[in-house]
Amino acid sequence: MSRGAAGSTTRGVSETLRFFAGYDLVEPGLVETTRWRPDGESEVVESHGYAGVGVRR
């Protein structure tokens, strides 16, 4: 039996935005995960990905 972590794929902003095709992004849009906070308070730490919320058109 093989033991290992799940794989991951690194994507840039433009590559990540394609997952939101057909959706309108909610503010603040597609941003680093540490900057997307519903309460508006961002953490000041290094981010390793992007986060966004979209509403179906």
PDB file of N, CA and C in Angstrom:
ATOM      1  N   MET A   1       0.846  -1.165   0.000  1.00  0.00           N
ATOM      2  CA  MET A   1       0.000   0.000   0.000  1.00  0.00           C
ATOM      3  C   MET A   1       0.900   1.239   0.000  1.00  0.00           C
ATOM      4  N   SER A   2       0.563   2.195  -0.842  1.00  0.00           N
ATOM      5  CA  SER A   2       1.328   3.430  -0.940  1.00  0.00           C
ATOM      6  C   SER A   2       0.806   4.453   0.054  1.00  0.00           C
ATOM      7  N   ARG A   3       1.723   5.110   0.755  1.00  0.00           N
ATOM      8  CA  ARG A   3       1.340   6.168   1.679  1.00  0.00           C
ATOM      9  C   ARG A   3       1.946   7.464   1.179  1.00  0.00           C
ATOM     10  N   GLY A   4       1.145   8.484   1.115  1.00  0.00           N
ATOM     11  CA  GLY A   4       1.650   9.773   0.658  1.00  0.00           C
ATOM     12  C   GLY A   4       0.570  10.826   0.730  1.00  0.00           C
ATOM     13  N   ALA A   5       1.019  12.030   0.619  1.00  0.00           N
ATOM     14  CA  ALA A   5       0.082  13.158   0.654  1.00  0.00           C
ATOM     15  C   ALA A   5      -0.665  13.248  -0.666  1.00  0.00           C
ATOM     16  N   ALA A   6      -1.819  13.849  -0.614  1.00  0.00           N
ATOM     17  CA  ALA A   6      -2.594  14.088  -1.832  1.00  0.00           C
ATOM     18  C   ALA A   6      -1.817  15.056  -2.716  1.00  0.00           C
ATOM     19  N   GLY A   7      -1.923  14.877  -3.996  1.00  0.00           N
ATOM     20  CA  GLY A   7      -1.232  15.755  -4.932  1.00  0.00           C
ATOM     21  C   GLY A   7      -1.845  17.142  -4.971  1.00  0.00           C
ATOM     22  N   SER A   8      -1.089  18.084  -5.457  1.00  0.00           N
ATOM     23  CA  SER A   8      -1.602  19.441  -5.612  1.00  0.00           C
ATOM     24  C   SER A   8      -1.056  20.026  -6.903  1.00  0.00           C
ATOM     25  N   THR A   9      -1.753  21.025  -7.405  1.00  0.00           N
ATOM     26  CA  THR A   9      -1.344  21.700  -8.632  1.00  0.00           C
ATOM     27  C   THR A   9      -1.260  23.189  -8.344  1.00  0.00           C
ATOM     28  N   THR A  10      -0.130  23.778  -8.688  1.00  0.00           N
ATOM     29  CA  THR A  10       0.046  25.206  -8.504  1.00  0.00           C
ATOM     30  C   THR A  10      -0.508  25.934  -9.719  1.00  0.00           C
ATOM     31  N   ARG A  11      -1.383  26.924  -9.485  1.00  0.00           N
ATOM     32  CA  ARG A  11      -1.972  27.706 -10.567  1.00  0.00           C
ATOM     33  C   ARG A  11      -1.826  29.187 -10.270  1.00  0.00           C
ATOM     34  N   GLY A  12      -1.638  29.972 -11.306  1.00  0.00           N
ATOM     35  CA  GLY A  12      -1.589  31.425 -11.168  1.00  0.00           C
ATOM     36  C   GLY A  12      -2.997  31.999 -11.169  1.00  0.00           C
ATOM     37  N   VAL A  13      -3.083  33.315 -11.070  1.00  0.00           N
ATOM     38  CA  VAL A  13      -4.384  33.990 -11.017  1.00  0.00           C
ATOM     39  C   VAL A  13      -5.201  33.697 -12.274  1.00  0.00           C
ATOM     40  N   SER A  14      -4.619  33.874 -13.459  1.00  0.00           N
ATOM     41  CA  SER A  14      -5.385  33.677 -14.699  1.00  0.00           C
ATOM     42  C   SER A  14      -5.859  32.240 -14.842  1.00  0.00           C
ATOM     43  N   GLU A  15      -5.055  31.289 -14.414  1.00  0.00           N
ATOM     44  CA  GLU A  15      -5.470  29.880 -14.483  1.00  0.00           C
ATOM     45  C   GLU A  15      -6.579  29.585 -13.478  1.00  0.00           C
ATOM     46  N   THR A  16      -6.538  30.216 -12.333  1.00  0.00           N
ATOM     47  CA  THR A  16      -7.556  30.006 -11.307  1.00  0.00           C
ATOM     48  C   THR A  16      -8.876  30.664 -11.693  1.00  0.00           C
ATOM     49  N   LEU A  17      -8.803  31.833 -12.333  1.00  0.00           N
ATOM     50  CA  LEU A  17     -10.022  32.549 -12.740  1.00  0.00           C
ATOM     51  C   LEU A  17     -10.910  31.722 -13.663  1.00  0.00           C
ATOM     52  N   ARG A  18     -10.345  30.812 -14.424  1.00  0.00           N
ATOM     53  CA  ARG A  18     -11.165  30.004 -15.350  1.00  0.00           C
ATOM     54  C   ARG A  18     -12.196  29.140 -14.614  1.00  0.00           C
ATOM     55  N   PHE A  19     -11.935  28.836 -13.352  1.00  0.00           N
ATOM     56  CA  PHE A  19     -12.900  28.059 -12.561  1.00  0.00           C
ATOM     57  C   PHE A  19     -14.138  28.882 -12.207  1.00  0.00           C
ATOM     58  N   PHE A  20     -14.066  30.189 -12.397  1.00  0.00           N
ATOM     59  CA  PHE A  20     -15.181  31.083 -12.100  1.00  0.00           C
ATOM     60  C   PHE A  20     -15.942  31.500 -13.359  1.00  0.00           C
ATOM     61  N   ALA A  21     -15.682  30.844 -14.482  1.00  0.00           N
ATOM     62  CA  ALA A  21     -16.415  31.152 -15.718  1.00  0.00           C
ATOM     63  C   ALA A  21     -17.904  30.916 -15.477  1.00  0.00           C
ATOM     64  N   GLY A  22     -18.744  31.893 -15.840  1.00  0.00           N
ATOM     65  CA  GLY A  22     -20.181  31.787 -15.623  1.00  0.00           C
ATOM     66  C   GLY A  22     -20.637  32.300 -14.264  1.00  0.00           C
ATOM     67  N   TYR A  23     -19.707  32.846 -13.486  1.00  0.00           N
ATOM     68  CA  TYR A  23     -20.009  33.380 -12.160  1.00  0.00           C
ATOM     69  C   TYR A  23     -19.555  34.834 -12.073  1.00  0.00           C
ATOM     70  N   ASP A  24     -20.252  35.626 -11.278  1.00  0.00           N
ATOM     71  CA  ASP A  24     -19.812  36.980 -10.951  1.00  0.00           C
ATOM     72  C   ASP A  24     -19.122  36.900  -9.603  1.00  0.00           C
ATOM     73  N   LEU A  25     -17.869  37.342  -9.555  1.00  0.00           N
ATOM     74  CA  LEU A  25     -17.122  37.293  -8.302  1.00  0.00           C
ATOM     75  C   LEU A  25     -17.644  38.315  -7.306  1.00  0.00           C
ATOM     76  N   VAL A  26     -17.761  37.901  -6.047  1.00  0.00           N
ATOM     77  CA  VAL A  26     -18.160  38.762  -4.941  1.00  0.00           C
ATOM     78  C   VAL A  26     -16.904  39.491  -4.466  1.00  0.00           C
ATOM     79  N   GLU A  27     -17.043  40.759  -4.044  1.00  0.00           N
ATOM     80  CA  GLU A  27     -15.892  41.519  -3.536  1.00  0.00           C
ATOM     81  C   GLU A  27     -15.255  40.789  -2.367  1.00  0.00           C
ATOM     82  N   PRO A  28     -13.970  40.722  -2.279  1.00  0.00           N
ATOM     83  CA  PRO A  28     -12.968  41.471  -3.026  1.00  0.00           C
ATOM     84  C   PRO A  28     -12.483  40.780  -4.294  1.00  0.00           C
ATOM     85  N   GLY A  29     -13.220  39.797  -4.791  1.00  0.00           N
ATOM     86  CA  GLY A  29     -12.811  39.100  -6.014  1.00  0.00           C
ATOM     87  C   GLY A  29     -11.879  37.942  -5.703  1.00  0.00           C
ATOM     88  N   LEU A  30     -11.051  37.601  -6.674  1.00  0.00           N
ATOM     89  CA  LEU A  30     -10.077  36.530  -6.494  1.00  0.00           C
ATOM     90  C   LEU A  30      -8.804  37.144  -5.920  1.00  0.00           C
ATOM     91  N   VAL A  31      -8.506  36.801  -4.694  1.00  0.00           N
ATOM     92  CA  VAL A  31      -7.357  37.378  -3.994  1.00  0.00           C
ATOM     93  C   VAL A  31      -6.620  36.263  -3.249  1.00  0.00           C
ATOM     94  N   GLU A  32      -5.443  36.584  -2.711  1.00  0.00           N
ATOM     95  CA  GLU A  32      -4.729  35.616  -1.887  1.00  0.00           C
ATOM     96  C   GLU A  32      -5.630  35.193  -0.730  1.00  0.00           C
ATOM     97  N   THR A  33      -5.545  33.927  -0.353  1.00  0.00           N
ATOM     98  CA  THR A  33      -6.456  33.394   0.666  1.00  0.00           C
ATOM     99  C   THR A  33      -6.451  34.188   1.957  1.00  0.00           C
ATOM    100  N   THR A  34      -5.319  34.748   2.325  1.00  0.00           N
ATOM    101  CA  THR A  34      -5.249  35.503   3.581  1.00  0.00           C
ATOM    102  C   THR A  34      -5.926  36.858   3.486  1.00  0.00           C
ATOM    103  N   ARG A  35      -6.241  37.323   2.254  1.00  0.00           N
ATOM    104  CA  ARG A  35      -6.903  38.622   2.080  1.00  0.00           C
ATOM    105  C   ARG A  35      -8.414  38.491   1.952  1.00  0.00           C
ATOM    106  N   TRP A  36      -8.944  37.292   1.725  1.00  0.00           N
ATOM    107  CA  TRP A  36     -10.386  37.116   1.535  1.00  0.00           C
ATOM    108  C   TRP A  36     -11.018  36.810   2.883  1.00  0.00           C
ATOM    109  N   ARG A  37     -11.512  37.831   3.511  1.00  0.00           N
ATOM    110  CA  ARG A  37     -12.147  37.702   4.823  1.00  0.00           C
ATOM    111  C   ARG A  37     -13.490  38.413   4.807  1.00  0.00           C
ATOM    112  N   PRO A  38     -14.585  37.716   5.116  1.00  0.00           N
ATOM    113  CA  PRO A  38     -15.902  38.355   5.147  1.00  0.00           C
ATOM    114  C   PRO A  38     -15.984  39.524   6.131  1.00  0.00           C
ATOM    115  N   ASP A  39     -15.214  39.454   7.218  1.00  0.00           N
ATOM    116  CA  ASP A  39     -15.269  40.529   8.208  1.00  0.00           C
ATOM    117  C   ASP A  39     -14.314  41.671   7.872  1.00  0.00           C
ATOM    118  N   GLY A  40     -13.590  41.549   6.754  1.00  0.00           N
ATOM    119  CA  GLY A  40     -12.718  42.621   6.297  1.00  0.00           C
ATOM    120  C   GLY A  40     -11.357  42.674   6.959  1.00  0.00           C
ATOM    121  N   GLU A  41     -11.075  41.782   7.900  1.00  0.00           N
ATOM    122  CA  GLU A  41      -9.794  41.807   8.595  1.00  0.00           C
ATOM    123  C   GLU A  41      -8.847  40.778   7.980  1.00  0.00           C
ATOM    124  N   SER A  42      -7.855  41.243   7.225  1.00  0.00           N
ATOM    125  CA  SER A  42      -6.876  40.370   6.598  1.00  0.00           C
ATOM    126  C   SER A  42      -5.771  40.003   7.558  1.00  0.00           C
ATOM    127  N   GLU A  43      -5.258  38.796   7.392  1.00  0.00           N
ATOM    128  CA  GLU A  43      -4.083  38.383   8.149  1.00  0.00           C
ATOM    129  C   GLU A  43      -2.850  38.810   7.372  1.00  0.00           C
ATOM    130  N   VAL A  44      -1.797  39.165   8.062  1.00  0.00           N
ATOM    131  CA  VAL A  44      -0.560  39.553   7.407  1.00  0.00           C
ATOM    132  C   VAL A  44       0.396  38.370   7.487  1.00  0.00           C
ATOM    133  N   VAL A  45       0.159  37.400   6.612  1.00  0.00           N
ATOM    134  CA  VAL A  45       1.007  36.209   6.516  1.00  0.00           C
ATOM    135  C   VAL A  45       1.145  35.844   5.044  1.00  0.00           C
ATOM    136  N   GLU A  46       2.127  35.017   4.739  1.00  0.00           N
ATOM    137  CA  GLU A  46       2.327  34.587   3.359  1.00  0.00           C
ATOM    138  C   GLU A  46       1.186  33.663   2.933  1.00  0.00           C
ATOM    139  N   SER A  47       0.703  33.860   1.730  1.00  0.00           N
ATOM    140  CA  SER A  47      -0.384  33.053   1.202  1.00  0.00           C
ATOM    141  C   SER A  47       0.154  32.067   0.167  1.00  0.00           C
ATOM    142  N   HIS A  48      -0.471  30.910   0.100  1.00  0.00           N
ATOM    143  CA  HIS A  48      -0.049  29.893  -0.865  1.00  0.00           C
ATOM    144  C   HIS A  48      -1.170  29.522  -1.823  1.00  0.00           C
ATOM    145  N   GLY A  49      -2.130  30.411  -1.978  1.00  0.00           N
ATOM    146  CA  GLY A  49      -3.232  30.117  -2.876  1.00  0.00           C
ATOM    147  C   GLY A  49      -4.157  31.303  -3.016  1.00  0.00           C
ATOM    148  N   TYR A  50      -5.233  31.088  -3.755  1.00  0.00           N
ATOM    149  CA  TYR A  50      -6.212  32.139  -4.023  1.00  0.00           C
ATOM    150  C   TYR A  50      -7.581  31.686  -3.566  1.00  0.00           C
ATOM    151  N   ALA A  51      -8.424  32.661  -3.214  1.00  0.00           N
ATOM    152  CA  ALA A  51      -9.777  32.374  -2.771  1.00  0.00           C
ATOM    153  C   ALA A  51     -10.731  33.358  -3.424  1.00  0.00           C
ATOM    154  N   GLY A  52     -11.946  32.904  -3.655  1.00  0.00           N
ATOM    155  CA  GLY A  52     -12.982  33.756  -4.206  1.00  0.00           C
ATOM    156  C   GLY A  52     -14.336  33.103  -4.028  1.00  0.00           C
ATOM    157  N   VAL A  53     -15.368  33.918  -4.118  1.00  0.00           N
ATOM    158  CA  VAL A  53     -16.743  33.432  -4.070  1.00  0.00           C
ATOM    159  C   VAL A  53     -17.445  33.998  -5.279  1.00  0.00           C
ATOM    160  N   GLY A  54     -18.173  33.144  -5.988  1.00  0.00           N
ATOM    161  CA  GLY A  54     -18.885  33.593  -7.176  1.00  0.00           C
ATOM    162  C   GLY A  54     -20.372  33.310  -7.082  1.00  0.00           C
ATOM    163  N   VAL A  55     -21.165  34.168  -7.710  1.00  0.00           N
ATOM    164  CA  VAL A  55     -22.614  34.015  -7.788  1.00  0.00           C
ATOM    165  C   VAL A  55     -22.948  33.654  -9.226  1.00  0.00           C
ATOM    166  N   ARG A  56     -23.713  32.583  -9.400  1.00  0.00           N
ATOM    167  CA  ARG A  56     -24.074  32.112 -10.743  1.00  0.00           C
ATOM    168  C   ARG A  56     -24.839  33.181 -11.486  1.00  0.00           C
ATOM    169  N   ARG A  57     -24.444  33.464 -12.740  1.00  0.00           N
ATOM    170  CA  ARG A  57     -25.136  34.462 -13.569  1.00  0.00           C
ATOM    171  C   ARG A  57     -26.469  33.948 -14.030  1.00  0.00           C
TER     172      ARG A  57
END
